[in-house]
């Protein structure tokens, strides 16, 4: 038994540096779907980005921030009821001029394929904290093919 037994079937872990509250300009590195290593049968959608620009909100002082050149990830648990709607929001921004009905199963399969047709796309994101009914918080992201400037619109 060698020290690297199982290496052929082992997957690398992602960057683990997730999008936090703030405004981002991002360049897409990769879109993918993968199975959880901890919970077999549970799948995640992941978008990996190069950060081009990051503007933190005023209340982020002292918390981790991003700078140009950093890598960032956006992870969606596909078990969540809102998963497909959240992913569709990203896809609509990655395909400017598309309508909701244009983004279907075939479109998404193509986007995560080895072709990676959206790779290199520049996109804008505004991330902000949203309270859950159970008292927790999660980071919601609004995606756009254009810079996001309206605070009221971004947090809908």
C-alpha atoms as a PDB file:
ATOM      1  CA  UNK A   1       0.000   0.000   0.000  1.00  0.00           C
ATOM      2  CA  UNK A   2       1.526   3.294  -1.110  1.00  0.00           C
ATOM      3  CA  UNK A   3       1.195   6.701   0.494  1.00  0.00           C
ATOM      4  CA  UNK A   4      -0.722   8.012  -2.551  1.00  0.00           C
ATOM      5  CA  UNK A   5      -3.248   5.160  -2.870  1.00  0.00           C
ATOM      6  CA  UNK A   6      -6.550   6.707  -3.908  1.00  0.00           C
ATOM      7  CA  UNK A   7      -4.966   9.814  -5.421  1.00  0.00           C
ATOM      8  CA  UNK A   8      -6.571   9.080  -8.798  1.00  0.00           C
ATOM      9  CA  UNK A   9     -10.091   9.381  -7.393  1.00  0.00           C
ATOM     10  CA  UNK A  10      -9.445  12.174  -4.884  1.00  0.00           C
ATOM     11  CA  UNK A  11     -10.675  15.675  -5.694  1.00  0.00           C
ATOM     12  CA  UNK A  12      -8.928  18.845  -4.672  1.00  0.00           C
ATOM     13  CA  UNK A  13     -10.748  21.141  -2.303  1.00  0.00           C
ATOM     14  CA  UNK A  14     -11.887  24.558  -3.453  1.00  0.00           C
ATOM     15  CA  UNK A  15     -10.398  27.854  -2.387  1.00  0.00           C
ATOM     16  CA  UNK A  16     -12.846  28.149   0.480  1.00  0.00           C
ATOM     17  CA  UNK A  17     -12.705  31.939   0.256  1.00  0.00           C
ATOM     18  CA  UNK A  18     -16.334  32.797  -0.237  1.00  0.00           C
ATOM     19  CA  UNK A  19     -17.900  36.020  -1.432  1.00  0.00           C
ATOM     20  CA  UNK A  20     -18.646  38.281   1.541  1.00  0.00           C
ATOM     21  CA  UNK A  21     -20.702  41.487   1.793  1.00  0.00           C
ATOM     22  CA  UNK A  22     -19.541  44.191  -0.587  1.00  0.00           C
ATOM     23  CA  UNK A  23     -19.413  45.118  -4.256  1.00  0.00           C
ATOM     24  CA  UNK A  24     -17.314  42.995  -6.584  1.00  0.00           C
ATOM     25  CA  UNK A  25     -16.101  43.104 -10.143  1.00  0.00           C
ATOM     26  CA  UNK A  26     -15.207  39.521 -11.011  1.00  0.00           C
ATOM     27  CA  UNK A  27     -13.830  37.435 -13.860  1.00  0.00           C
ATOM     28  CA  UNK A  28     -15.159  33.900 -14.152  1.00  0.00           C
ATOM     29  CA  UNK A  29     -12.617  31.094 -13.828  1.00  0.00           C
ATOM     30  CA  UNK A  30     -14.957  28.091 -13.780  1.00  0.00           C
ATOM     31  CA  UNK A  31     -18.496  26.846 -13.188  1.00  0.00           C
ATOM     32  CA  UNK A  32     -18.916  23.326 -11.867  1.00  0.00           C
ATOM     33  CA  UNK A  33     -21.122  20.895 -10.000  1.00  0.00           C
ATOM     34  CA  UNK A  34     -19.665  18.390  -7.578  1.00  0.00           C
ATOM     35  CA  UNK A  35     -20.742  15.881  -4.955  1.00  0.00           C
ATOM     36  CA  UNK A  36     -20.059  16.582  -1.288  1.00  0.00           C
ATOM     37  CA  UNK A  37     -17.139  14.627   0.116  1.00  0.00           C
ATOM     38  CA  UNK A  38     -18.846  14.493   3.528  1.00  0.00           C
ATOM     39  CA  UNK A  39     -22.413  13.668   2.457  1.00  0.00           C
ATOM     40  CA  UNK A  40     -22.669  11.308  -0.498  1.00  0.00           C
ATOM     41  CA  UNK A  41     -25.567  12.128  -2.793  1.00  0.00           C
ATOM     42  CA  UNK A  42     -25.525  15.860  -1.928  1.00  0.00           C
ATOM     43  CA  UNK A  43     -24.395  18.154  -4.734  1.00  0.00           C
ATOM     44  CA  UNK A  44     -23.133  21.717  -4.944  1.00  0.00           C
ATOM     45  CA  UNK A  45     -22.882  24.287  -7.731  1.00  0.00           C
ATOM     46  CA  UNK A  46     -19.705  26.365  -7.566  1.00  0.00           C
ATOM     47  CA  UNK A  47     -18.603  29.491  -9.410  1.00  0.00           C
ATOM     48  CA  UNK A  48     -14.929  30.356  -9.046  1.00  0.00           C
ATOM     49  CA  UNK A  49     -13.743  33.886  -9.723  1.00  0.00           C
ATOM     50  CA  UNK A  50     -10.729  36.131  -9.970  1.00  0.00           C
ATOM     51  CA  UNK A  51     -11.436  39.358  -8.086  1.00  0.00           C
ATOM     52  CA  UNK A  52     -10.826  42.417 -10.264  1.00  0.00           C
ATOM     53  CA  UNK A  53     -12.115  44.948  -7.748  1.00  0.00           C
ATOM     54  CA  UNK A  54     -13.739  44.860  -4.300  1.00  0.00           C
ATOM     55  CA  UNK A  55     -15.451  47.655  -2.394  1.00  0.00           C
ATOM     56  CA  UNK A  56     -16.387  46.666   1.148  1.00  0.00           C
ATOM     57  CA  UNK A  57     -19.439  48.057   2.925  1.00  0.00           C
ATOM     58  CA  UNK A  58     -18.660  50.568   5.692  1.00  0.00           C
ATOM     59  CA  UNK A  59     -19.436  48.018   8.430  1.00  0.00           C
ATOM     60  CA  UNK A  60     -16.903  45.458   7.144  1.00  0.00           C
ATOM     61  CA  UNK A  61     -14.010  47.200   8.884  1.00  0.00           C
ATOM     62  CA  UNK A  62     -11.705  44.705  10.562  1.00  0.00           C
ATOM     63  CA  UNK A  63     -13.225  41.710   8.752  1.00  0.00           C
ATOM     64  CA  UNK A  64     -11.603  39.735   5.920  1.00  0.00           C
ATOM     65  CA  UNK A  65     -11.625  41.590   2.638  1.00  0.00           C
ATOM     66  CA  UNK A  66     -10.620  40.934  -0.935  1.00  0.00           C
ATOM     67  CA  UNK A  67      -8.158  42.720  -3.172  1.00  0.00           C
ATOM     68  CA  UNK A  68      -7.547  42.592  -6.912  1.00  0.00           C
ATOM     69  CA  UNK A  69      -5.975  39.271  -7.843  1.00  0.00           C
ATOM     70  CA  UNK A  70      -7.606  37.270  -5.035  1.00  0.00           C
ATOM     71  CA  UNK A  71      -9.704  34.204  -5.792  1.00  0.00           C
ATOM     72  CA  UNK A  72     -13.307  33.976  -4.603  1.00  0.00           C
ATOM     73  CA  UNK A  73     -15.937  31.247  -4.696  1.00  0.00           C
ATOM     74  CA  UNK A  74     -19.726  31.199  -4.647  1.00  0.00           C
ATOM     75  CA  UNK A  75     -21.187  27.908  -3.492  1.00  0.00           C
ATOM     76  CA  UNK A  76     -24.836  26.817  -3.761  1.00  0.00           C
ATOM     77  CA  UNK A  77     -26.179  23.744  -1.992  1.00  0.00           C
ATOM     78  CA  UNK A  78     -28.389  22.104  -4.632  1.00  0.00           C
ATOM     79  CA  UNK A  79     -30.550  20.598  -1.867  1.00  0.00           C
ATOM     80  CA  UNK A  80     -31.894  24.070  -1.014  1.00  0.00           C
ATOM     81  CA  UNK A  81     -35.250  25.040  -2.478  1.00  0.00           C
ATOM     82  CA  UNK A  82     -33.874  28.382  -3.710  1.00  0.00           C
ATOM     83  CA  UNK A  83     -30.797  26.861  -5.413  1.00  0.00           C
ATOM     84  CA  UNK A  84     -32.015  26.861  -9.021  1.00  0.00           C
ATOM     85  CA  UNK A  85     -33.439  30.395  -8.779  1.00  0.00           C
ATOM     86  CA  UNK A  86     -30.138  31.691  -7.353  1.00  0.00           C
ATOM     87  CA  UNK A  87     -28.126  29.956 -10.082  1.00  0.00           C
ATOM     88  CA  UNK A  88     -30.483  31.297 -12.754  1.00  0.00           C
ATOM     89  CA  UNK A  89     -29.809  34.833 -11.484  1.00  0.00           C
ATOM     90  CA  UNK A  90     -26.096  34.281 -12.061  1.00  0.00           C
ATOM     91  CA  UNK A  91     -26.647  32.701 -15.480  1.00  0.00           C
ATOM     92  CA  UNK A  92     -28.799  35.636 -16.621  1.00  0.00           C
ATOM     93  CA  UNK A  93     -25.948  37.998 -15.774  1.00  0.00           C
ATOM     94  CA  UNK A  94     -23.401  35.766 -17.544  1.00  0.00           C
ATOM     95  CA  UNK A  95     -25.513  35.793 -20.726  1.00  0.00           C
ATOM     96  CA  UNK A  96     -26.390  39.497 -21.200  1.00  0.00           C
ATOM     97  CA  UNK A  97     -29.639  40.070 -23.031  1.00  0.00           C
ATOM     98  CA  UNK A  98     -31.016  36.649 -22.129  1.00  0.00           C
ATOM     99  CA  UNK A  99     -34.498  36.181 -20.730  1.00  0.00           C
ATOM    100  CA  UNK A 100     -35.456  33.805 -17.913  1.00  0.00           C
ATOM    101  CA  UNK A 101     -36.866  31.249 -20.365  1.00  0.00           C
ATOM    102  CA  UNK A 102     -33.516  31.205 -22.236  1.00  0.00           C
ATOM    103  CA  UNK A 103     -31.757  29.681 -19.214  1.00  0.00           C
ATOM    104  CA  UNK A 104     -32.767  26.030 -19.079  1.00  0.00           C
ATOM    105  CA  UNK A 105     -31.264  22.635 -18.249  1.00  0.00           C
ATOM    106  CA  UNK A 106     -29.386  22.453 -21.552  1.00  0.00           C
ATOM    107  CA  UNK A 107     -27.914  25.935 -21.095  1.00  0.00           C
ATOM    108  CA  UNK A 108     -26.667  25.101 -17.616  1.00  0.00           C
ATOM    109  CA  UNK A 109     -25.236  21.708 -18.650  1.00  0.00           C
ATOM    110  CA  UNK A 110     -23.296  23.511 -21.376  1.00  0.00           C
ATOM    111  CA  UNK A 111     -22.073  26.190 -18.951  1.00  0.00           C
ATOM    112  CA  UNK A 112     -20.588  23.601 -16.549  1.00  0.00           C
ATOM    113  CA  UNK A 113     -19.194  21.386 -19.318  1.00  0.00           C
ATOM    114  CA  UNK A 114     -15.513  21.173 -20.213  1.00  0.00           C
ATOM    115  CA  UNK A 115     -16.191  23.863 -22.869  1.00  0.00           C
ATOM    116  CA  UNK A 116     -16.770  26.463 -20.115  1.00  0.00           C
ATOM    117  CA  UNK A 117     -18.298  28.980 -22.580  1.00  0.00           C
ATOM    118  CA  UNK A 118     -18.634  31.689 -19.911  1.00  0.00           C
ATOM    119  CA  UNK A 119     -15.011  31.436 -18.754  1.00  0.00           C
ATOM    120  CA  UNK A 120     -13.418  34.879 -18.704  1.00  0.00           C
ATOM    121  CA  UNK A 121     -16.756  36.692 -18.478  1.00  0.00           C
ATOM    122  CA  UNK A 122     -16.614  39.846 -16.391  1.00  0.00           C
ATOM    123  CA  UNK A 123     -19.513  40.321 -14.032  1.00  0.00           C
ATOM    124  CA  UNK A 124     -20.556  42.513 -11.129  1.00  0.00           C
ATOM    125  CA  UNK A 125     -21.902  41.301  -7.807  1.00  0.00           C
ATOM    126  CA  UNK A 126     -23.341  42.968  -4.747  1.00  0.00           C
ATOM    127  CA  UNK A 127     -23.345  40.726  -1.700  1.00  0.00           C
ATOM    128  CA  UNK A 128     -25.223  41.511   1.512  1.00  0.00           C
ATOM    129  CA  UNK A 129     -26.361  39.729   4.665  1.00  0.00           C
ATOM    130  CA  UNK A 130     -29.961  38.550   4.959  1.00  0.00           C
ATOM    131  CA  UNK A 131     -31.550  37.343   8.198  1.00  0.00           C
ATOM    132  CA  UNK A 132     -33.189  33.919   8.207  1.00  0.00           C
ATOM    133  CA  UNK A 133     -36.427  33.064  10.014  1.00  0.00           C
ATOM    134  CA  UNK A 134     -34.416  31.004  12.499  1.00  0.00           C
ATOM    135  CA  UNK A 135     -32.223  33.947  13.522  1.00  0.00           C
ATOM    136  CA  UNK A 136     -29.188  33.105  11.402  1.00  0.00           C
ATOM    137  CA  UNK A 137     -27.758  34.992   8.454  1.00  0.00           C
ATOM    138  CA  UNK A 138     -26.661  34.142   4.957  1.00  0.00           C
ATOM    139  CA  UNK A 139     -24.969  36.100   2.194  1.00  0.00           C
ATOM    140  CA  UNK A 140     -27.262  36.907  -0.726  1.00  0.00           C
ATOM    141  CA  UNK A 141     -25.697  37.933  -4.022  1.00  0.00           C
ATOM    142  CA  UNK A 142     -27.208  40.079  -6.777  1.00  0.00           C
ATOM    143  CA  UNK A 143     -25.471  39.458 -10.099  1.00  0.00           C
ATOM    144  CA  UNK A 144     -25.302  41.849 -13.044  1.00  0.00           C
ATOM    145  CA  UNK A 145     -23.487  42.226 -16.338  1.00  0.00           C
ATOM    146  CA  UNK A 146     -23.259  45.955 -15.508  1.00  0.00           C
ATOM    147  CA  UNK A 147     -22.023  47.788 -12.408  1.00  0.00           C
ATOM    148  CA  UNK A 148     -24.634  47.825  -9.647  1.00  0.00           C
ATOM    149  CA  UNK A 149     -25.255  51.335  -8.403  1.00  0.00           C
ATOM    150  CA  UNK A 150     -28.726  51.370  -6.811  1.00  0.00           C
ATOM    151  CA  UNK A 151     -28.725  50.192  -3.176  1.00  0.00           C
ATOM    152  CA  UNK A 152     -32.503  49.794  -3.001  1.00  0.00           C
ATOM    153  CA  UNK A 153     -32.639  47.661  -6.159  1.00  0.00           C
ATOM    154  CA  UNK A 154     -29.687  45.494  -5.128  1.00  0.00           C
ATOM    155  CA  UNK A 155     -31.251  44.283  -1.893  1.00  0.00           C
ATOM    156  CA  UNK A 156     -34.518  43.035  -3.428  1.00  0.00           C
END
